[in-house]
Amino acid sequence: TPEIWSNWQEFERLSMDLELYAAALGRAADKGLAHSASG
């Protein structure tokens, strides 16, 4: 949508967040799932 360019900072922040969370996910992979049944 054209909003990407009119709200570039938000789009860029989300892209950087994705990179950060993906990096953390890769680092945490060996821990396995915690599976909190009740939340």
PDB file of all heavy atoms in Angstrom:
ATOM      1  N   THR A   1       0.849  -1.187   0.000  1.00  0.00           N
ATOM      2  CA  THR A   1       0.000   0.000   0.000  1.00  0.00           C
ATOM      3  C   THR A   1       0.890   1.244   0.000  1.00  0.00           C
ATOM      4  O   THR A   1       2.035   1.191   0.452  1.00  0.00           O
ATOM      5  CB  THR A   1      -0.913   0.037   1.251  1.00  0.00           C
ATOM      6  OG1 THR A   1      -0.097   0.169   2.417  1.00  0.00           O
ATOM      7  CG2 THR A   1      -1.773  -1.212   1.344  1.00  0.00           C
ATOM      8  N   PRO A   2       0.375   2.368  -0.454  1.00  0.00           N
ATOM      9  CA  PRO A   2       1.159   3.608  -0.452  1.00  0.00           C
ATOM     10  C   PRO A   2       1.572   4.045   0.956  1.00  0.00           C
ATOM     11  O   PRO A   2       2.503   4.826   1.110  1.00  0.00           O
ATOM     12  CB  PRO A   2       0.216   4.636  -1.077  1.00  0.00           C
ATOM     13  CG  PRO A   2      -0.827   3.855  -1.779  1.00  0.00           C
ATOM     14  CD  PRO A   2      -0.926   2.534  -1.095  1.00  0.00           C
ATOM     15  N   GLU A   3       0.901   3.527   1.982  1.00  0.00           N
ATOM     16  CA  GLU A   3       1.218   3.884   3.363  1.00  0.00           C
ATOM     17  C   GLU A   3       2.653   3.504   3.740  1.00  0.00           C
ATOM     18  O   GLU A   3       3.220   4.069   4.670  1.00  0.00           O
ATOM     19  CB  GLU A   3       0.231   3.243   4.339  1.00  0.00           C
ATOM     20  CG  GLU A   3      -1.120   3.933   4.374  1.00  0.00           C
ATOM     21  CD  GLU A   3      -2.012   3.597   3.172  1.00  0.00           C
ATOM     22  OE1 GLU A   3      -1.787   2.576   2.480  1.00  0.00           O
ATOM     23  OE2 GLU A   3      -2.942   4.372   2.913  1.00  0.00           O
ATOM     24  N   ILE A   4       3.239   2.535   3.030  1.00  0.00           N
ATOM     25  CA  ILE A   4       4.635   2.183   3.324  1.00  0.00           C
ATOM     26  C   ILE A   4       5.505   3.421   3.222  1.00  0.00           C
ATOM     27  O   ILE A   4       6.328   3.681   4.098  1.00  0.00           O
ATOM     28  CB  ILE A   4       5.150   1.082   2.364  1.00  0.00           C
ATOM     29  CG1 ILE A   4       4.526  -0.258   2.723  1.00  0.00           C
ATOM     30  CG2 ILE A   4       6.678   1.007   2.380  1.00  0.00           C
ATOM     31  CD1 ILE A   4       4.885  -1.378   1.779  1.00  0.00           C
ATOM     32  N   TRP A   5       5.317   4.197   2.185  1.00  0.00           N
ATOM     33  CA  TRP A   5       6.180   5.346   1.956  1.00  0.00           C
ATOM     34  C   TRP A   5       5.748   6.568   2.756  1.00  0.00           C
ATOM     35  O   TRP A   5       6.577   7.395   3.104  1.00  0.00           O
ATOM     36  CB  TRP A   5       6.276   5.636   0.464  1.00  0.00           C
ATOM     37  CG  TRP A   5       6.887   4.437  -0.222  1.00  0.00           C
ATOM     38  CD1 TRP A   5       8.225   4.117  -0.247  1.00  0.00           C
ATOM     39  CD2 TRP A   5       6.211   3.384  -0.882  1.00  0.00           C
ATOM     40  NE1 TRP A   5       8.400   2.924  -0.900  1.00  0.00           N
ATOM     41  CE2 TRP A   5       7.190   2.443  -1.318  1.00  0.00           C
ATOM     42  CE3 TRP A   5       4.879   3.115  -1.175  1.00  0.00           C
ATOM     43  CZ2 TRP A   5       6.869   1.288  -2.004  1.00  0.00           C
ATOM     44  CZ3 TRP A   5       4.559   1.960  -1.868  1.00  0.00           C
ATOM     45  CH2 TRP A   5       5.553   1.058  -2.280  1.00  0.00           C
ATOM     46  N   SER A   6       4.463   6.673   3.088  1.00  0.00           N
ATOM     47  CA  SER A   6       4.038   7.808   3.910  1.00  0.00           C
ATOM     48  C   SER A   6       4.288   7.548   5.390  1.00  0.00           C
ATOM     49  O   SER A   6       4.296   8.481   6.191  1.00  0.00           O
ATOM     50  CB  SER A   6       2.561   8.146   3.658  1.00  0.00           C
ATOM     51  OG  SER A   6       1.733   7.076   4.067  1.00  0.00           O
ATOM     52  N   ASN A   7       4.503   6.297   5.759  1.00  0.00           N
ATOM     53  CA  ASN A   7       4.784   5.941   7.145  1.00  0.00           C
ATOM     54  C   ASN A   7       6.043   5.059   7.175  1.00  0.00           C
ATOM     55  O   ASN A   7       6.060   3.979   7.764  1.00  0.00           O
ATOM     56  CB  ASN A   7       3.582   5.217   7.758  1.00  0.00           C
ATOM     57  CG  ASN A   7       3.650   5.144   9.259  1.00  0.00           C
ATOM     58  OD1 ASN A   7       4.616   5.574   9.887  1.00  0.00           O
ATOM     59  ND2 ASN A   7       2.625   4.554   9.851  1.00  0.00           N
ATOM     60  N   TRP A   8       7.075   5.533   6.494  1.00  0.00           N
ATOM     61  CA  TRP A   8       8.302   4.759   6.319  1.00  0.00           C
ATOM     62  C   TRP A   8       8.936   4.353   7.645  1.00  0.00           C
ATOM     63  O   TRP A   8       9.420   3.244   7.791  1.00  0.00           O
ATOM     64  CB  TRP A   8       9.298   5.538   5.462  1.00  0.00           C
ATOM     65  CG  TRP A   8      10.531   4.733   5.182  1.00  0.00           C
ATOM     66  CD1 TRP A   8      11.751   4.857   5.778  1.00  0.00           C
ATOM     67  CD2 TRP A   8      10.660   3.642   4.264  1.00  0.00           C
ATOM     68  NE1 TRP A   8      12.627   3.926   5.281  1.00  0.00           N
ATOM     69  CE2 TRP A   8      11.973   3.161   4.338  1.00  0.00           C
ATOM     70  CE3 TRP A   8       9.771   3.028   3.372  1.00  0.00           C
ATOM     71  CZ2 TRP A   8      12.445   2.108   3.578  1.00  0.00           C
ATOM     72  CZ3 TRP A   8      10.245   1.975   2.602  1.00  0.00           C
ATOM     73  CH2 TRP A   8      11.560   1.527   2.704  1.00  0.00           C
ATOM     74  N   GLN A   9       8.936   5.243   8.622  1.00  0.00           N
ATOM     75  CA  GLN A   9       9.576   4.920   9.905  1.00  0.00           C
ATOM     76  C   GLN A   9       8.933   3.707  10.565  1.00  0.00           C
ATOM     77  O   GLN A   9       9.625   2.859  11.114  1.00  0.00           O
ATOM     78  CB  GLN A   9       9.545   6.122  10.859  1.00  0.00           C
ATOM     79  CG  GLN A   9      10.543   7.199  10.481  1.00  0.00           C
ATOM     80  CD  GLN A   9      10.551   8.331  11.482  1.00  0.00           C
ATOM     81  OE1 GLN A   9       9.524   8.713  12.024  1.00  0.00           O
ATOM     82  NE2 GLN A   9      11.736   8.876  11.710  1.00  0.00           N
ATOM     83  N   GLU A  10       7.627   3.620  10.517  1.00  0.00           N
ATOM     84  CA  GLU A  10       6.920   2.471  11.094  1.00  0.00           C
ATOM     85  C   GLU A  10       7.253   1.182  10.323  1.00  0.00           C
ATOM     86  O   GLU A  10       7.506   0.141  10.908  1.00  0.00           O
ATOM     87  CB  GLU A  10       5.409   2.718  11.089  1.00  0.00           C
ATOM     88  CG  GLU A  10       4.580   1.539  11.565  1.00  0.00           C
ATOM     89  CD  GLU A  10       4.664   1.284  13.061  1.00  0.00           C
ATOM     90  OE1 GLU A  10       5.315   2.057  13.788  1.00  0.00           O
ATOM     91  OE2 GLU A  10       4.070   0.292  13.511  1.00  0.00           O
ATOM     92  N   PHE A  11       7.258   1.283   9.002  1.00  0.00           N
ATOM     93  CA  PHE A  11       7.595   0.129   8.169  1.00  0.00           C
ATOM     94  C   PHE A  11       9.022  -0.329   8.453  1.00  0.00           C
ATOM     95  O   PHE A  11       9.290  -1.524   8.635  1.00  0.00           O
ATOM     96  CB  PHE A  11       7.431   0.482   6.680  1.00  0.00           C
ATOM     97  CG  PHE A  11       7.806  -0.632   5.756  1.00  0.00           C
ATOM     98  CD1 PHE A  11       7.038  -1.778   5.660  1.00  0.00           C
ATOM     99  CD2 PHE A  11       8.949  -0.534   4.967  1.00  0.00           C
ATOM    100  CE1 PHE A  11       7.401  -2.813   4.801  1.00  0.00           C
ATOM    101  CE2 PHE A  11       9.311  -1.562   4.111  1.00  0.00           C
ATOM    102  CZ  PHE A  11       8.529  -2.698   4.027  1.00  0.00           C
ATOM    103  N   GLU A  12       9.935   0.613   8.538  1.00  0.00           N
ATOM    104  CA  GLU A  12      11.327   0.293   8.817  1.00  0.00           C
ATOM    105  C   GLU A  12      11.478  -0.328  10.209  1.00  0.00           C
ATOM    106  O   GLU A  12      12.218  -1.289  10.396  1.00  0.00           O
ATOM    107  CB  GLU A  12      12.166   1.562   8.694  1.00  0.00           C
ATOM    108  CG  GLU A  12      13.651   1.333   8.764  1.00  0.00           C
ATOM    109  CD  GLU A  12      14.422   2.609   8.473  1.00  0.00           C
ATOM    110  OE1 GLU A  12      14.051   3.690   8.999  1.00  0.00           O
ATOM    111  OE2 GLU A  12      15.397   2.526   7.713  1.00  0.00           O
ATOM    112  N   ARG A  13      10.762   0.211  11.198  1.00  0.00           N
ATOM    113  CA  ARG A  13      10.826  -0.329  12.557  1.00  0.00           C
ATOM    114  C   ARG A  13      10.327  -1.773  12.587  1.00  0.00           C
ATOM    115  O   ARG A  13      10.956  -2.638  13.196  1.00  0.00           O
ATOM    116  CB  ARG A  13      10.003   0.518  13.528  1.00  0.00           C
ATOM    117  CG  ARG A  13      10.108   0.018  14.989  1.00  0.00           C
ATOM    118  CD  ARG A  13       9.117   0.694  15.913  1.00  0.00           C
ATOM    119  NE  ARG A  13       7.735   0.471  15.564  1.00  0.00           N
ATOM    120  CZ  ARG A  13       7.060  -0.657  15.827  1.00  0.00           C
ATOM    121  NH1 ARG A  13       7.645  -1.672  16.418  1.00  0.00           N
ATOM    122  NH2 ARG A  13       5.791  -0.769  15.478  1.00  0.00           N
ATOM    123  N   LEU A  14       9.228  -2.047  11.915  1.00  0.00           N
ATOM    124  CA  LEU A  14       8.701  -3.412  11.881  1.00  0.00           C
ATOM    125  C   LEU A  14       9.686  -4.361  11.209  1.00  0.00           C
ATOM    126  O   LEU A  14       9.880  -5.495  11.657  1.00  0.00           O
ATOM    127  CB  LEU A  14       7.340  -3.443  11.174  1.00  0.00           C
ATOM    128  CG  LEU A  14       6.184  -2.841  11.969  1.00  0.00           C
ATOM    129  CD1 LEU A  14       4.967  -2.646  11.073  1.00  0.00           C
ATOM    130  CD2 LEU A  14       5.840  -3.701  13.174  1.00  0.00           C
ATOM    131  N   SER A  15      10.326  -3.902  10.156  1.00  0.00           N
ATOM    132  CA  SER A  15      11.310  -4.732   9.465  1.00  0.00           C
ATOM    133  C   SER A  15      12.511  -5.021  10.362  1.00  0.00           C
ATOM    134  O   SER A  15      13.028  -6.150  10.382  1.00  0.00           O
ATOM    135  CB  SER A  15      11.750  -4.041   8.173  1.00  0.00           C
ATOM    136  OG  SER A  15      12.661  -4.856   7.494  1.00  0.00           O
ATOM    137  N   MET A  16      12.952  -4.022  11.097  1.00  0.00           N
ATOM    138  CA  MET A  16      14.083  -4.208  12.020  1.00  0.00           C
ATOM    139  C   MET A  16      13.688  -5.114  13.184  1.00  0.00           C
ATOM    140  O   MET A  16      14.480  -5.948  13.630  1.00  0.00           O
ATOM    141  CB  MET A  16      14.599  -2.860  12.545  1.00  0.00           C
ATOM    142  CG  MET A  16      15.131  -1.945  11.476  1.00  0.00           C
ATOM    143  SD  MET A  16      16.443  -2.718  10.496  1.00  0.00           S
ATOM    144  CE  MET A  16      16.545  -1.597   9.134  1.00  0.00           C
ATOM    145  N   ASP A  17      12.445  -4.954  13.674  1.00  0.00           N
ATOM    146  CA  ASP A  17      11.943  -5.839  14.737  1.00  0.00           C
ATOM    147  C   ASP A  17      11.930  -7.286  14.258  1.00  0.00           C
ATOM    148  O   ASP A  17      12.328  -8.193  14.990  1.00  0.00           O
ATOM    149  CB  ASP A  17      10.528  -5.444  15.172  1.00  0.00           C
ATOM    150  CG  ASP A  17      10.488  -4.184  16.025  1.00  0.00           C
ATOM    151  OD1 ASP A  17      11.557  -3.683  16.438  1.00  0.00           O
ATOM    152  OD2 ASP A  17       9.359  -3.695  16.273  1.00  0.00           O
ATOM    153  N   LEU A  18      11.485  -7.495  13.029  1.00  0.00           N
ATOM    154  CA  LEU A  18      11.450  -8.842  12.475  1.00  0.00           C
ATOM    155  C   LEU A  18      12.849  -9.448  12.450  1.00  0.00           C
ATOM    156  O   LEU A  18      13.045 -10.608  12.832  1.00  0.00           O
ATOM    157  CB  LEU A  18      10.849  -8.828  11.067  1.00  0.00           C
ATOM    158  CG  LEU A  18      10.775 -10.174  10.352  1.00  0.00           C
ATOM    159  CD1 LEU A  18       9.917 -11.162  11.130  1.00  0.00           C
ATOM    160  CD2 LEU A  18      10.238  -9.987   8.939  1.00  0.00           C
ATOM    161  N   GLU A  19      13.818  -8.670  12.042  1.00  0.00           N
ATOM    162  CA  GLU A  19      15.198  -9.150  12.008  1.00  0.00           C
ATOM    163  C   GLU A  19      15.685  -9.516  13.415  1.00  0.00           C
ATOM    164  O   GLU A  19      16.309 -10.560  13.625  1.00  0.00           O
ATOM    165  CB  GLU A  19      16.098  -8.074  11.394  1.00  0.00           C
ATOM    166  CG  GLU A  19      17.542  -8.488  11.246  1.00  0.00           C
ATOM    167  CD  GLU A  19      18.369  -7.418  10.554  1.00  0.00           C
ATOM    168  OE1 GLU A  19      18.180  -6.207  10.844  1.00  0.00           O
ATOM    169  OE2 GLU A  19      19.209  -7.788   9.721  1.00  0.00           O
ATOM    170  N   LEU A  20      15.383  -8.679  14.375  1.00  0.00           N
ATOM    171  CA  LEU A  20      15.786  -8.897  15.761  1.00  0.00           C
ATOM    172  C   LEU A  20      15.130 -10.149  16.341  1.00  0.00           C
ATOM    173  O   LEU A  20      15.801 -11.004  16.930  1.00  0.00           O
ATOM    174  CB  LEU A  20      15.412  -7.670  16.602  1.00  0.00           C
ATOM    175  CG  LEU A  20      15.654  -7.767  18.096  1.00  0.00           C
ATOM    176  CD1 LEU A  20      17.149  -7.786  18.388  1.00  0.00           C
ATOM    177  CD2 LEU A  20      14.978  -6.593  18.801  1.00  0.00           C
ATOM    178  N   TYR A  21      13.819 -10.286  16.170  1.00  0.00           N
ATOM    179  CA  TYR A  21      13.104 -11.432  16.728  1.00  0.00           C
ATOM    180  C   TYR A  21      13.533 -12.729  16.051  1.00  0.00           C
ATOM    181  O   TYR A  21      13.628 -13.771  16.696  1.00  0.00           O
ATOM    182  CB  TYR A  21      11.592 -11.241  16.626  1.00  0.00           C
ATOM    183  CG  TYR A  21      11.081 -10.040  17.384  1.00  0.00           C
ATOM    184  CD1 TYR A  21       9.940  -9.372  16.972  1.00  0.00           C
ATOM    185  CD2 TYR A  21      11.750  -9.539  18.503  1.00  0.00           C
ATOM    186  CE1 TYR A  21       9.465  -8.263  17.661  1.00  0.00           C
ATOM    187  CE2 TYR A  21      11.285  -8.427  19.192  1.00  0.00           C
ATOM    188  CZ  TYR A  21      10.134  -7.791  18.767  1.00  0.00           C
ATOM    189  OH  TYR A  21       9.666  -6.701  19.441  1.00  0.00           O
ATOM    190  N   ALA A  22      13.786 -12.671  14.757  1.00  0.00           N
ATOM    191  CA  ALA A  22      14.255 -13.862  14.046  1.00  0.00           C
ATOM    192  C   ALA A  22      15.633 -14.280  14.564  1.00  0.00           C
ATOM    193  O   ALA A  22      15.895 -15.477  14.750  1.00  0.00           O
ATOM    194  CB  ALA A  22      14.294 -13.612  12.542  1.00  0.00           C
ATOM    195  N   ALA A  23      16.502 -13.317  14.808  1.00  0.00           N
ATOM    196  CA  ALA A  23      17.830 -13.623  15.356  1.00  0.00           C
ATOM    197  C   ALA A  23      17.704 -14.279  16.722  1.00  0.00           C
ATOM    198  O   ALA A  23      18.367 -15.286  17.010  1.00  0.00           O
ATOM    199  CB  ALA A  23      18.675 -12.353  15.449  1.00  0.00           C
ATOM    200  N   ALA A  24      16.843 -13.739  17.569  1.00  0.00           N
ATOM    201  CA  ALA A  24      16.637 -14.302  18.904  1.00  0.00           C
ATOM    202  C   ALA A  24      16.021 -15.696  18.816  1.00  0.00           C
ATOM    203  O   ALA A  24      16.405 -16.604  19.566  1.00  0.00           O
ATOM    204  CB  ALA A  24      15.752 -13.374  19.735  1.00  0.00           C
ATOM    205  N   LEU A  25      15.090 -15.882  17.902  1.00  0.00           N
ATOM    206  CA  LEU A  25      14.461 -17.193  17.712  1.00  0.00           C
ATOM    207  C   LEU A  25      15.506 -18.236  17.333  1.00  0.00           C
ATOM    208  O   LEU A  25      15.515 -19.346  17.874  1.00  0.00           O
ATOM    209  CB  LEU A  25      13.375 -17.094  16.632  1.00  0.00           C
ATOM    210  CG  LEU A  25      12.615 -18.365  16.291  1.00  0.00           C
ATOM    211  CD1 LEU A  25      11.832 -18.867  17.503  1.00  0.00           C
ATOM    212  CD2 LEU A  25      11.662 -18.101  15.120  1.00  0.00           C
ATOM    213  N   GLY A  26      16.392 -17.886  16.434  1.00  0.00           N
ATOM    214  CA  GLY A  26      17.453 -18.811  16.045  1.00  0.00           C
ATOM    215  C   GLY A  26      18.367 -19.161  17.208  1.00  0.00           C
ATOM    216  O   GLY A  26      18.774 -20.314  17.369  1.00  0.00           O
ATOM    217  N   ARG A  27      18.676 -18.175  18.025  1.00  0.00           N
ATOM    218  CA  ARG A  27      19.555 -18.415  19.186  1.00  0.00           C
ATOM    219  C   ARG A  27      18.873 -19.278  20.241  1.00  0.00           C
ATOM    220  O   ARG A  27      19.536 -20.010  20.964  1.00  0.00           O
ATOM    221  CB  ARG A  27      19.992 -17.090  19.794  1.00  0.00           C
ATOM    222  CG  ARG A  27      21.008 -16.371  18.948  1.00  0.00           C
ATOM    223  CD  ARG A  27      21.476 -15.086  19.633  1.00  0.00           C
ATOM    224  NE  ARG A  27      22.579 -14.501  18.918  1.00  0.00           N
ATOM    225  CZ  ARG A  27      22.474 -13.417  18.150  1.00  0.00           C
ATOM    226  NH1 ARG A  27      21.330 -12.805  18.009  1.00  0.00           N
ATOM    227  NH2 ARG A  27      23.535 -12.951  17.524  1.00  0.00           N
ATOM    228  N   ALA A  28      17.551 -19.168  20.351  1.00  0.00           N
ATOM    229  CA  ALA A  28      16.803 -19.898  21.380  1.00  0.00           C
ATOM    230  C   ALA A  28      16.387 -21.298  20.941  1.00  0.00           C
ATOM    231  O   ALA A  28      15.875 -22.068  21.744  1.00  0.00           O
ATOM    232  CB  ALA A  28      15.558 -19.095  21.765  1.00  0.00           C
ATOM    233  N   ALA A  29      16.599 -21.638  19.706  1.00  0.00           N
ATOM    234  CA  ALA A  29      16.063 -22.878  19.131  1.00  0.00           C
ATOM    235  C   ALA A  29      16.388 -24.131  19.937  1.00  0.00           C
ATOM    236  O   ALA A  29      15.542 -25.018  20.073  1.00  0.00           O
ATOM    237  CB  ALA A  29      16.555 -23.045  17.695  1.00  0.00           C
ATOM    238  N   ASP A  30      17.589 -24.225  20.478  1.00  0.00           N
ATOM    239  CA  ASP A  30      17.981 -25.432  21.201  1.00  0.00           C
ATOM    240  C   ASP A  30      17.220 -25.629  22.509  1.00  0.00           C
ATOM    241  O   ASP A  30      17.230 -26.728  23.061  1.00  0.00           O
ATOM    242  CB  ASP A  30      19.485 -25.433  21.488  1.00  0.00           C
ATOM    243  CG  ASP A  30      20.295 -25.731  20.239  1.00  0.00           C
ATOM    244  OD1 ASP A  30      19.784 -26.426  19.338  1.00  0.00           O
ATOM    245  OD2 ASP A  30      21.446 -25.252  20.155  1.00  0.00           O
ATOM    246  N   LYS A  31      16.580 -24.607  23.006  1.00  0.00           N
ATOM    247  CA  LYS A  31      15.840 -24.725  24.265  1.00  0.00           C
ATOM    248  C   LYS A  31      14.580 -25.564  24.115  1.00  0.00           C
ATOM    249  O   LYS A  31      14.067 -26.080  25.098  1.00  0.00           O
ATOM    250  CB  LYS A  31      15.457 -23.340  24.795  1.00  0.00           C
ATOM    251  CG  LYS A  31      16.660 -22.547  25.226  1.00  0.00           C
ATOM    252  CD  LYS A  31      16.363 -21.206  25.873  1.00  0.00           C
ATOM    253  CE  LYS A  31      15.018 -20.629  25.635  1.00  0.00           C
ATOM    254  NZ  LYS A  31      14.826 -19.309  26.176  1.00  0.00           N
ATOM    255  N   GLY A  32      14.071 -25.675  22.917  1.00  0.00           N
ATOM    256  CA  GLY A  32      12.826 -26.411  22.714  1.00  0.00           C
ATOM    257  C   GLY A  32      11.628 -25.607  23.184  1.00  0.00           C
ATOM    258  O   GLY A  32      11.733 -24.436  23.526  1.00  0.00           O
ATOM    259  N   LEU A  33      10.484 -26.253  23.210  1.00  0.00           N
ATOM    260  CA  LEU A  33       9.235 -25.589  23.577  1.00  0.00           C
ATOM    261  C   LEU A  33       9.006 -25.665  25.079  1.00  0.00           C
ATOM    262  O   LEU A  33       9.258 -26.686  25.708  1.00  0.00           O
ATOM    263  CB  LEU A  33       8.058 -26.226  22.848  1.00  0.00           C
ATOM    264  CG  LEU A  33       8.113 -26.168  21.319  1.00  0.00           C
ATOM    265  CD1 LEU A  33       6.928 -26.909  20.722  1.00  0.00           C
ATOM    266  CD2 LEU A  33       8.136 -24.729  20.841  1.00  0.00           C
ATOM    267  N   ALA A  34       8.471 -24.591  25.647  1.00  0.00           N
ATOM    268  CA  ALA A  34       8.149 -24.555  27.068  1.00  0.00           C
ATOM    269  C   ALA A  34       6.752 -25.105  27.305  1.00  0.00           C
ATOM    270  O   ALA A  34       6.472 -25.669  28.346  1.00  0.00           O
ATOM    271  CB  ALA A  34       8.268 -23.127  27.599  1.00  0.00           C
ATOM    272  N   HIS A  35       5.859 -24.935  26.334  1.00  0.00           N
ATOM    273  CA  HIS A  35       4.465 -25.392  26.410  1.00  0.00           C
ATOM    274  C   HIS A  35       3.804 -25.087  27.739  1.00  0.00           C
ATOM    275  O   HIS A  35       3.570 -25.961  28.564  1.00  0.00           O
ATOM    276  CB  HIS A  35       4.340 -26.889  26.111  1.00  0.00           C
ATOM    277  CG  HIS A  35       4.392 -27.170  24.656  1.00  0.00           C
ATOM    278  ND1 HIS A  35       3.450 -26.719  23.778  1.00  0.00           N
ATOM    279  CD2 HIS A  35       5.301 -27.843  23.931  1.00  0.00           C
ATOM    280  CE1 HIS A  35       3.771 -27.113  22.564  1.00  0.00           C
ATOM    281  NE2 HIS A  35       4.895 -27.789  22.624  1.00  0.00           N
ATOM    282  N   SER A  36       3.484 -23.839  27.923  1.00  0.00           N
ATOM    283  CA  SER A  36       2.712 -23.425  29.086  1.00  0.00           C
ATOM    284  C   SER A  36       1.258 -23.765  28.805  1.00  0.00           C
ATOM    285  O   SER A  36       0.565 -23.081  28.058  1.00  0.00           O
ATOM    286  CB  SER A  36       2.883 -21.925  29.312  1.00  0.00           C
ATOM    287  OG  SER A  36       2.014 -21.497  30.320  1.00  0.00           O
ATOM    288  N   ALA A  37       0.759 -24.839  29.397  1.00  0.00           N
ATOM    289  CA  ALA A  37      -0.587 -25.342  29.110  1.00  0.00           C
ATOM    290  C   ALA A  37      -1.676 -24.347  29.473  1.00  0.00           C
ATOM    291  O   ALA A  37      -2.643 -24.187  28.747  1.00  0.00           O
ATOM    292  CB  ALA A  37      -0.817 -26.661  29.846  1.00  0.00           C
ATOM    293  N   SER A  38      -1.533 -23.676  30.591  1.00  0.00           N
ATOM    294  CA  SER A  38      -2.616 -22.791  31.027  1.00  0.00           C
ATOM    295  C   SER A  38      -2.439 -21.365  30.520  1.00  0.00           C
ATOM    296  O   SER A  38      -3.377 -20.584  30.573  1.00  0.00           O
ATOM    297  CB  SER A  38      -2.684 -22.777  32.552  1.00  0.00           C
ATOM    298  OG  SER A  38      -1.517 -22.170  33.076  1.00  0.00           O
ATOM    299  N   GLY A  39      -1.224 -21.028  30.093  1.00  0.00           N
ATOM    300  CA  GLY A  39      -0.983 -19.657  29.644  1.00  0.00           C
ATOM    301  C   GLY A  39      -0.885 -18.698  30.819  1.00  0.00           C
ATOM    302  O   GLY A  39      -0.952 -17.503  30.650  1.00  0.00           O
TER     303      GLY A  39
END
